[in-house]
Amino acid sequence: MHLANPEGVHFCFVGDRAIFLDLLRDRYTATSPETAAALTRALRGNSILGVDEGHLEPLLNEGLLAITEDPARALAETRQVPAEREWGGLPPASLWLTMRHLAAQLQVFRDMKRIGLARTIDVRSAFCPALNRTFSPVRTVSAYRASNLIYSADQRCLLKSIALFGLLKRSGQMPALVLGVRDAPFAAHAWVELGDAVVSDLVEVISRYTPIMVRR
């Protein structure tokens, strides 16, 4: 028997604390430095018997850690280096595509209310590429940025990133939806990467965050 990530639970280390994201409950939890140290030892397989159990037991009780006999499941932190470049020089946005983005964002908003965050992301992750790839990723991202004039990305980064992620998937691309966190004070952010570039944000912004979840 060993520790593992429960379904929908992701975590990363920020400074001297560990931060957990429970997608199913749409909730973040930050640990104490002592618990983060115990978790680090658990990942390395050199836990201190008795001492670490006391630190990790609350995480087990809260459903943020699980005990399993399945050898295929393992305890794993999220590791992702944020993109170090961004797209520039995009063409003028298509009005029709911009309206399509706004409609997609509205649908994400409705889905999050109706089926929750985890399922909303799952649905878009499973989108099949369109047979007719009429809209290039450049045009799609250009329209996304134009939609920011109506709904600011700063205020609705999660909703807008999920919508862009889904539209890029449907246009035949392989984007990554990234959720990141920072601490002291705590803040969360979401963005979309395509290849080695961030397409929904600025490198200067995302570099302030540590990825806690990556979905492709």
C-alpha atoms as a PDB file:
ATOM      1  CA  MET A   1       0.000   0.000   0.000  1.00  0.00           C
ATOM      2  CA  HIS A   2       1.206   3.472  -0.822  1.00  0.00           C
ATOM      3  CA  LEU A   3       0.086   7.093  -1.117  1.00  0.00           C
ATOM      4  CA  ALA A   4      -1.440   8.390  -4.351  1.00  0.00           C
ATOM      5  CA  ASN A   5      -3.293  11.380  -5.751  1.00  0.00           C
ATOM      6  CA  PRO A   6      -7.091  10.991  -5.479  1.00  0.00           C
ATOM      7  CA  GLU A   7      -9.073  11.606  -8.645  1.00  0.00           C
ATOM      8  CA  GLY A   8      -9.080  15.276  -9.561  1.00  0.00           C
ATOM      9  CA  VAL A   9      -6.519  16.285  -6.935  1.00  0.00           C
ATOM     10  CA  HIS A  10      -3.304  18.050  -7.942  1.00  0.00           C
ATOM     11  CA  PHE A  11      -0.579  19.681  -5.886  1.00  0.00           C
ATOM     12  CA  CYS A  12       2.658  21.621  -6.198  1.00  0.00           C
ATOM     13  CA  PHE A  13       5.203  23.213  -3.893  1.00  0.00           C
ATOM     14  CA  VAL A  14       5.374  26.998  -3.602  1.00  0.00           C
ATOM     15  CA  GLY A  15       8.063  28.265  -1.282  1.00  0.00           C
ATOM     16  CA  ASP A  16       7.963  26.208   1.907  1.00  0.00           C
ATOM     17  CA  ARG A  17       4.321  25.148   1.531  1.00  0.00           C
ATOM     18  CA  ALA A  18       2.407  22.668  -0.589  1.00  0.00           C
ATOM     19  CA  ILE A  19      -0.781  23.825  -2.288  1.00  0.00           C
ATOM     20  CA  PHE A  20      -3.503  21.378  -3.306  1.00  0.00           C
ATOM     21  CA  LEU A  21      -6.197  21.841  -5.941  1.00  0.00           C
ATOM     22  CA  ASP A  22      -9.288  19.650  -5.646  1.00  0.00           C
ATOM     23  CA  LEU A  23     -10.993  20.057  -9.022  1.00  0.00           C
ATOM     24  CA  LEU A  24     -14.081  18.093  -8.017  1.00  0.00           C
ATOM     25  CA  ARG A  25     -14.749  20.484  -5.147  1.00  0.00           C
ATOM     26  CA  ASP A  26     -13.197  23.529  -6.881  1.00  0.00           C
ATOM     27  CA  ARG A  27     -11.097  24.247  -3.805  1.00  0.00           C
ATOM     28  CA  TYR A  28      -7.494  25.148  -2.994  1.00  0.00           C
ATOM     29  CA  THR A  29      -5.788  24.118   0.266  1.00  0.00           C
ATOM     30  CA  ALA A  30      -2.366  25.234   1.495  1.00  0.00           C
ATOM     31  CA  THR A  31      -0.382  23.168   3.993  1.00  0.00           C
ATOM     32  CA  SER A  32       1.987  24.186   6.760  1.00  0.00           C
ATOM     33  CA  PRO A  33       5.743  24.062   6.067  1.00  0.00           C
ATOM     34  CA  GLU A  34       5.970  20.985   8.316  1.00  0.00           C
ATOM     35  CA  THR A  35       3.327  19.143   6.310  1.00  0.00           C
ATOM     36  CA  ALA A  36       5.038  20.166   3.059  1.00  0.00           C
ATOM     37  CA  ALA A  37       8.299  18.716   4.363  1.00  0.00           C
ATOM     38  CA  ALA A  38       6.533  15.457   5.281  1.00  0.00           C
ATOM     39  CA  LEU A  39       4.987  15.323   1.808  1.00  0.00           C
ATOM     40  CA  THR A  40       8.404  15.846   0.219  1.00  0.00           C
ATOM     41  CA  ARG A  41       9.796  12.920   2.197  1.00  0.00           C
ATOM     42  CA  ALA A  42       6.815  10.782   1.143  1.00  0.00           C
ATOM     43  CA  LEU A  43       7.548  11.573  -2.514  1.00  0.00           C
ATOM     44  CA  ARG A  44      11.170  10.542  -2.018  1.00  0.00           C
ATOM     45  CA  GLY A  45      10.196   7.372  -0.182  1.00  0.00           C
ATOM     46  CA  ASN A  46      12.009   8.232   3.046  1.00  0.00           C
ATOM     47  CA  SER A  47       9.203   9.253   5.398  1.00  0.00           C
ATOM     48  CA  ILE A  48       9.894   9.413   9.124  1.00  0.00           C
ATOM     49  CA  LEU A  49       7.704   6.781  10.735  1.00  0.00           C
ATOM     50  CA  GLY A  50       5.249   8.256  13.208  1.00  0.00           C
ATOM     51  CA  VAL A  51       6.257  11.891  12.738  1.00  0.00           C
ATOM     52  CA  ASP A  52       5.137  12.184   9.103  1.00  0.00           C
ATOM     53  CA  GLU A  53       1.979  10.173   9.691  1.00  0.00           C
ATOM     54  CA  GLY A  54       0.734  12.900  12.008  1.00  0.00           C
ATOM     55  CA  HIS A  55       1.309  15.550   9.330  1.00  0.00           C
ATOM     56  CA  LEU A  56      -0.161  13.577   6.413  1.00  0.00           C
ATOM     57  CA  GLU A  57      -3.205  12.125   8.163  1.00  0.00           C
ATOM     58  CA  PRO A  58      -5.228  15.393   7.885  1.00  0.00           C
ATOM     59  CA  LEU A  59      -4.636  15.364   4.115  1.00  0.00           C
ATOM     60  CA  LEU A  60      -5.925  11.797   3.968  1.00  0.00           C
ATOM     61  CA  ASN A  61      -8.979  12.741   6.032  1.00  0.00           C
ATOM     62  CA  GLU A  62      -9.726  15.681   3.723  1.00  0.00           C
ATOM     63  CA  GLY A  63      -9.472  13.503   0.617  1.00  0.00           C
ATOM     64  CA  LEU A  64      -6.361  15.280  -0.663  1.00  0.00           C
ATOM     65  CA  LEU A  65      -4.282  12.105  -0.422  1.00  0.00           C
ATOM     66  CA  ALA A  66      -5.338   8.495  -0.929  1.00  0.00           C
ATOM     67  CA  ILE A  67      -3.946   5.080   0.021  1.00  0.00           C
ATOM     68  CA  THR A  68      -3.942   2.508  -2.759  1.00  0.00           C
ATOM     69  CA  GLU A  69      -2.593  -0.935  -3.602  1.00  0.00           C
ATOM     70  CA  ASP A  70      -2.596  -0.159  -7.332  1.00  0.00           C
ATOM     71  CA  PRO A  71       1.049  -0.154  -8.510  1.00  0.00           C
ATOM     72  CA  ALA A  72       0.094   1.941 -11.534  1.00  0.00           C
ATOM     73  CA  ARG A  73      -0.948   4.839  -9.311  1.00  0.00           C
ATOM     74  CA  ALA A  74       1.700   6.902  -7.596  1.00  0.00           C
ATOM     75  CA  LEU A  75       1.928  10.086  -5.580  1.00  0.00           C
ATOM     76  CA  ALA A  76       3.039  12.849  -7.938  1.00  0.00           C
ATOM     77  CA  GLU A  77       3.367  16.606  -7.790  1.00  0.00           C
ATOM     78  CA  THR A  78       2.643  18.747 -10.834  1.00  0.00           C
ATOM     79  CA  ARG A  79       5.825  19.645 -12.673  1.00  0.00           C
ATOM     80  CA  GLN A  80       5.633  21.992 -15.612  1.00  0.00           C
ATOM     81  CA  VAL A  81       7.981  24.760 -16.714  1.00  0.00           C
ATOM     82  CA  PRO A  82       5.819  27.721 -17.811  1.00  0.00           C
ATOM     83  CA  ALA A  83       6.278  28.863 -21.396  1.00  0.00           C
ATOM     84  CA  GLU A  84       9.028  31.406 -21.921  1.00  0.00           C
ATOM     85  CA  ARG A  85       7.698  33.062 -25.057  1.00  0.00           C
ATOM     86  CA  GLU A  86       4.410  34.492 -26.242  1.00  0.00           C
ATOM     87  CA  TRP A  87       2.710  35.150 -29.555  1.00  0.00           C
ATOM     88  CA  GLY A  88       2.944  38.602 -31.066  1.00  0.00           C
ATOM     89  CA  GLY A  89       2.141  40.230 -34.390  1.00  0.00           C
ATOM     90  CA  LEU A  90      -1.285  38.632 -34.708  1.00  0.00           C
ATOM     91  CA  PRO A  91      -3.582  39.602 -37.597  1.00  0.00           C
ATOM     92  CA  PRO A  92      -6.740  41.693 -37.025  1.00  0.00           C
ATOM     93  CA  ALA A  93      -9.449  39.717 -35.319  1.00  0.00           C
ATOM     94  CA  SER A  94     -12.445  38.388 -37.200  1.00  0.00           C
ATOM     95  CA  LEU A  95     -15.695  39.760 -35.810  1.00  0.00           C
ATOM     96  CA  TRP A  96     -17.416  36.401 -36.365  1.00  0.00           C
ATOM     97  CA  LEU A  97     -14.677  34.502 -34.547  1.00  0.00           C
ATOM     98  CA  THR A  98     -14.696  37.032 -31.710  1.00  0.00           C
ATOM     99  CA  MET A  99     -18.427  36.489 -31.275  1.00  0.00           C
ATOM    100  CA  ARG A 100     -17.784  32.737 -31.335  1.00  0.00           C
ATOM    101  CA  HIS A 101     -15.330  33.185 -28.475  1.00  0.00           C
ATOM    102  CA  LEU A 102     -17.862  35.141 -26.462  1.00  0.00           C
ATOM    103  CA  ALA A 103     -20.452  32.422 -27.047  1.00  0.00           C
ATOM    104  CA  ALA A 104     -17.945  29.744 -25.978  1.00  0.00           C
ATOM    105  CA  GLN A 105     -17.143  31.701 -22.816  1.00  0.00           C
ATOM    106  CA  LEU A 106     -20.836  31.975 -22.006  1.00  0.00           C
ATOM    107  CA  GLN A 107     -21.202  28.217 -22.462  1.00  0.00           C
ATOM    108  CA  VAL A 108     -18.269  27.587 -20.108  1.00  0.00           C
ATOM    109  CA  PHE A 109     -19.928  29.835 -17.522  1.00  0.00           C
ATOM    110  CA  ARG A 110     -23.158  27.852 -17.803  1.00  0.00           C
ATOM    111  CA  ASP A 111     -21.376  24.504 -17.664  1.00  0.00           C
ATOM    112  CA  MET A 112     -19.419  25.471 -14.557  1.00  0.00           C
ATOM    113  CA  LYS A 113     -22.708  26.289 -12.837  1.00  0.00           C
ATOM    114  CA  ARG A 114     -24.441  23.144 -14.106  1.00  0.00           C
ATOM    115  CA  ILE A 115     -21.820  20.372 -14.040  1.00  0.00           C
ATOM    116  CA  GLY A 116     -18.920  21.855 -12.071  1.00  0.00           C
ATOM    117  CA  LEU A 117     -15.348  22.819 -12.886  1.00  0.00           C
ATOM    118  CA  ALA A 118     -13.865  19.336 -13.262  1.00  0.00           C
ATOM    119  CA  ARG A 119     -16.506  18.107 -15.690  1.00  0.00           C
ATOM    120  CA  THR A 120     -16.395  21.380 -17.650  1.00  0.00           C
ATOM    121  CA  ILE A 121     -12.688  20.858 -18.279  1.00  0.00           C
ATOM    122  CA  ASP A 122     -13.157  17.145 -19.020  1.00  0.00           C
ATOM    123  CA  VAL A 123     -15.733  17.897 -21.711  1.00  0.00           C
ATOM    124  CA  ARG A 124     -13.410  20.250 -23.560  1.00  0.00           C
ATOM    125  CA  SER A 125     -10.385  18.025 -23.128  1.00  0.00           C
ATOM    126  CA  ALA A 126     -12.319  15.302 -24.962  1.00  0.00           C
ATOM    127  CA  PHE A 127     -13.263  17.524 -27.918  1.00  0.00           C
ATOM    128  CA  CYS A 128     -12.415  15.886 -31.238  1.00  0.00           C
ATOM    129  CA  PRO A 129     -10.558  17.932 -33.863  1.00  0.00           C
ATOM    130  CA  ALA A 130     -12.861  19.394 -36.487  1.00  0.00           C
ATOM    131  CA  LEU A 131     -12.754  17.733 -39.894  1.00  0.00           C
ATOM    132  CA  ASN A 132     -12.752  21.163 -41.522  1.00  0.00           C
ATOM    133  CA  ARG A 133      -9.938  23.156 -39.981  1.00  0.00           C
ATOM    134  CA  THR A 134     -11.115  26.499 -41.320  1.00  0.00           C
ATOM    135  CA  PHE A 135      -9.774  28.563 -38.462  1.00  0.00           C
ATOM    136  CA  SER A 136      -6.032  28.653 -37.878  1.00  0.00           C
ATOM    137  CA  PRO A 137      -4.702  28.881 -34.312  1.00  0.00           C
ATOM    138  CA  VAL A 138      -3.397  32.374 -35.078  1.00  0.00           C
ATOM    139  CA  ARG A 139      -6.855  33.612 -36.068  1.00  0.00           C
ATOM    140  CA  THR A 140      -8.418  31.828 -33.101  1.00  0.00           C
ATOM    141  CA  VAL A 141      -6.017  33.446 -30.618  1.00  0.00           C
ATOM    142  CA  SER A 142      -6.418  36.845 -32.277  1.00  0.00           C
ATOM    143  CA  ALA A 143     -10.178  36.632 -31.766  1.00  0.00           C
ATOM    144  CA  TYR A 144      -9.658  35.526 -28.152  1.00  0.00           C
ATOM    145  CA  ARG A 145      -7.606  38.636 -27.438  1.00  0.00           C
ATOM    146  CA  ALA A 146     -10.220  40.819 -29.103  1.00  0.00           C
ATOM    147  CA  SER A 147     -12.836  39.338 -26.774  1.00  0.00           C
ATOM    148  CA  ASN A 148     -10.806  40.705 -23.849  1.00  0.00           C
ATOM    149  CA  LEU A 149     -12.103  44.156 -24.779  1.00  0.00           C
ATOM    150  CA  ILE A 150     -15.549  42.995 -23.640  1.00  0.00           C
ATOM    151  CA  TYR A 151     -14.660  40.564 -20.836  1.00  0.00           C
ATOM    152  CA  SER A 152     -11.277  41.209 -19.229  1.00  0.00           C
ATOM    153  CA  ALA A 153      -8.946  38.223 -19.035  1.00  0.00           C
ATOM    154  CA  ASP A 154      -7.710  39.485 -15.651  1.00  0.00           C
ATOM    155  CA  GLN A 155     -11.179  39.071 -14.148  1.00  0.00           C
ATOM    156  CA  ARG A 156     -12.249  35.881 -15.946  1.00  0.00           C
ATOM    157  CA  CYS A 157      -8.982  34.072 -16.658  1.00  0.00           C
ATOM    158  CA  LEU A 158     -10.289  30.603 -15.794  1.00  0.00           C
ATOM    159  CA  LEU A 159     -13.515  30.861 -17.755  1.00  0.00           C
ATOM    160  CA  LYS A 160     -11.823  32.423 -20.794  1.00  0.00           C
ATOM    161  CA  SER A 161      -8.884  30.002 -20.759  1.00  0.00           C
ATOM    162  CA  ILE A 162     -11.181  26.966 -20.686  1.00  0.00           C
ATOM    163  CA  ALA A 163     -13.129  28.395 -23.627  1.00  0.00           C
ATOM    164  CA  LEU A 164      -9.953  29.049 -25.654  1.00  0.00           C
ATOM    165  CA  PHE A 165      -8.639  25.593 -24.767  1.00  0.00           C
ATOM    166  CA  GLY A 166     -11.829  24.018 -26.148  1.00  0.00           C
ATOM    167  CA  LEU A 167     -11.850  26.084 -29.354  1.00  0.00           C
ATOM    168  CA  LEU A 168      -8.212  25.270 -30.085  1.00  0.00           C
ATOM    169  CA  LYS A 169      -8.915  21.567 -29.509  1.00  0.00           C
ATOM    170  CA  ARG A 170     -11.834  21.700 -31.941  1.00  0.00           C
ATOM    171  CA  SER A 171      -9.676  23.394 -34.551  1.00  0.00           C
ATOM    172  CA  GLY A 172      -7.252  20.470 -34.538  1.00  0.00           C
ATOM    173  CA  GLN A 173      -4.594  21.827 -32.166  1.00  0.00           C
ATOM    174  CA  MET A 174      -3.036  20.280 -29.048  1.00  0.00           C
ATOM    175  CA  PRO A 175      -3.175  23.083 -26.470  1.00  0.00           C
ATOM    176  CA  ALA A 176      -2.446  22.842 -22.766  1.00  0.00           C
ATOM    177  CA  LEU A 177      -4.718  24.388 -20.153  1.00  0.00           C
ATOM    178  CA  VAL A 178      -2.543  25.438 -17.213  1.00  0.00           C
ATOM    179  CA  LEU A 179      -3.699  26.447 -13.744  1.00  0.00           C
ATOM    180  CA  GLY A 180      -1.081  28.111 -11.571  1.00  0.00           C
ATOM    181  CA  VAL A 181      -0.802  29.406  -8.018  1.00  0.00           C
ATOM    182  CA  ARG A 182       1.360  31.706  -5.942  1.00  0.00           C
ATOM    183  CA  ASP A 183       1.595  32.271  -2.219  1.00  0.00           C
ATOM    184  CA  ALA A 184       1.936  35.117   0.307  1.00  0.00           C
ATOM    185  CA  PRO A 185      -0.602  36.314  -0.628  1.00  0.00           C
ATOM    186  CA  PHE A 186      -2.326  33.378  -2.276  1.00  0.00           C
ATOM    187  CA  ALA A 187      -3.579  33.854  -5.838  1.00  0.00           C
ATOM    188  CA  ALA A 188      -4.548  31.536  -8.686  1.00  0.00           C
ATOM    189  CA  HIS A 189      -4.380  32.085 -12.432  1.00  0.00           C
ATOM    190  CA  ALA A 190      -5.185  30.171 -15.640  1.00  0.00           C
ATOM    191  CA  TRP A 191      -3.711  30.355 -19.114  1.00  0.00           C
ATOM    192  CA  VAL A 192      -3.348  28.381 -22.357  1.00  0.00           C
ATOM    193  CA  GLU A 193      -0.128  27.221 -23.978  1.00  0.00           C
ATOM    194  CA  LEU A 194       0.386  25.939 -27.505  1.00  0.00           C
ATOM    195  CA  GLY A 195       3.688  24.233 -28.138  1.00  0.00           C
ATOM    196  CA  ASP A 196       6.369  26.202 -26.297  1.00  0.00           C
ATOM    197  CA  ALA A 197       4.423  29.476 -26.179  1.00  0.00           C
ATOM    198  CA  VAL A 198       1.742  30.997 -23.987  1.00  0.00           C
ATOM    199  CA  VAL A 199      -1.040  32.216 -26.295  1.00  0.00           C
ATOM    200  CA  SER A 200      -3.597  33.645 -23.885  1.00  0.00           C
ATOM    201  CA  ASP A 201      -1.354  35.751 -21.676  1.00  0.00           C
ATOM    202  CA  LEU A 202       2.052  37.353 -21.198  1.00  0.00           C
ATOM    203  CA  VAL A 203       5.202  35.561 -20.070  1.00  0.00           C
ATOM    204  CA  GLU A 204       5.704  38.329 -17.508  1.00  0.00           C
ATOM    205  CA  VAL A 205       2.360  37.423 -15.908  1.00  0.00           C
ATOM    206  CA  ILE A 206       2.516  33.616 -15.915  1.00  0.00           C
ATOM    207  CA  SER A 207       6.099  33.597 -14.612  1.00  0.00           C
ATOM    208  CA  ARG A 208       4.686  34.730 -11.258  1.00  0.00           C
ATOM    209  CA  TYR A 209       2.809  31.443 -10.864  1.00  0.00           C
ATOM    210  CA  THR A 210       3.749  27.808 -10.263  1.00  0.00           C
ATOM    211  CA  PRO A 211       1.695  25.352 -12.369  1.00  0.00           C
ATOM    212  CA  ILE A 212      -0.551  23.161 -10.234  1.00  0.00           C
ATOM    213  CA  MET A 213      -2.548  21.485 -13.014  1.00  0.00           C
ATOM    214  CA  VAL A 214      -1.900  20.902 -16.724  1.00  0.00           C
ATOM    215  CA  ARG A 215      -4.584  19.439 -18.974  1.00  0.00           C
ATOM    216  CA  ARG A 216      -4.102  18.521 -22.613  1.00  0.00           C
END
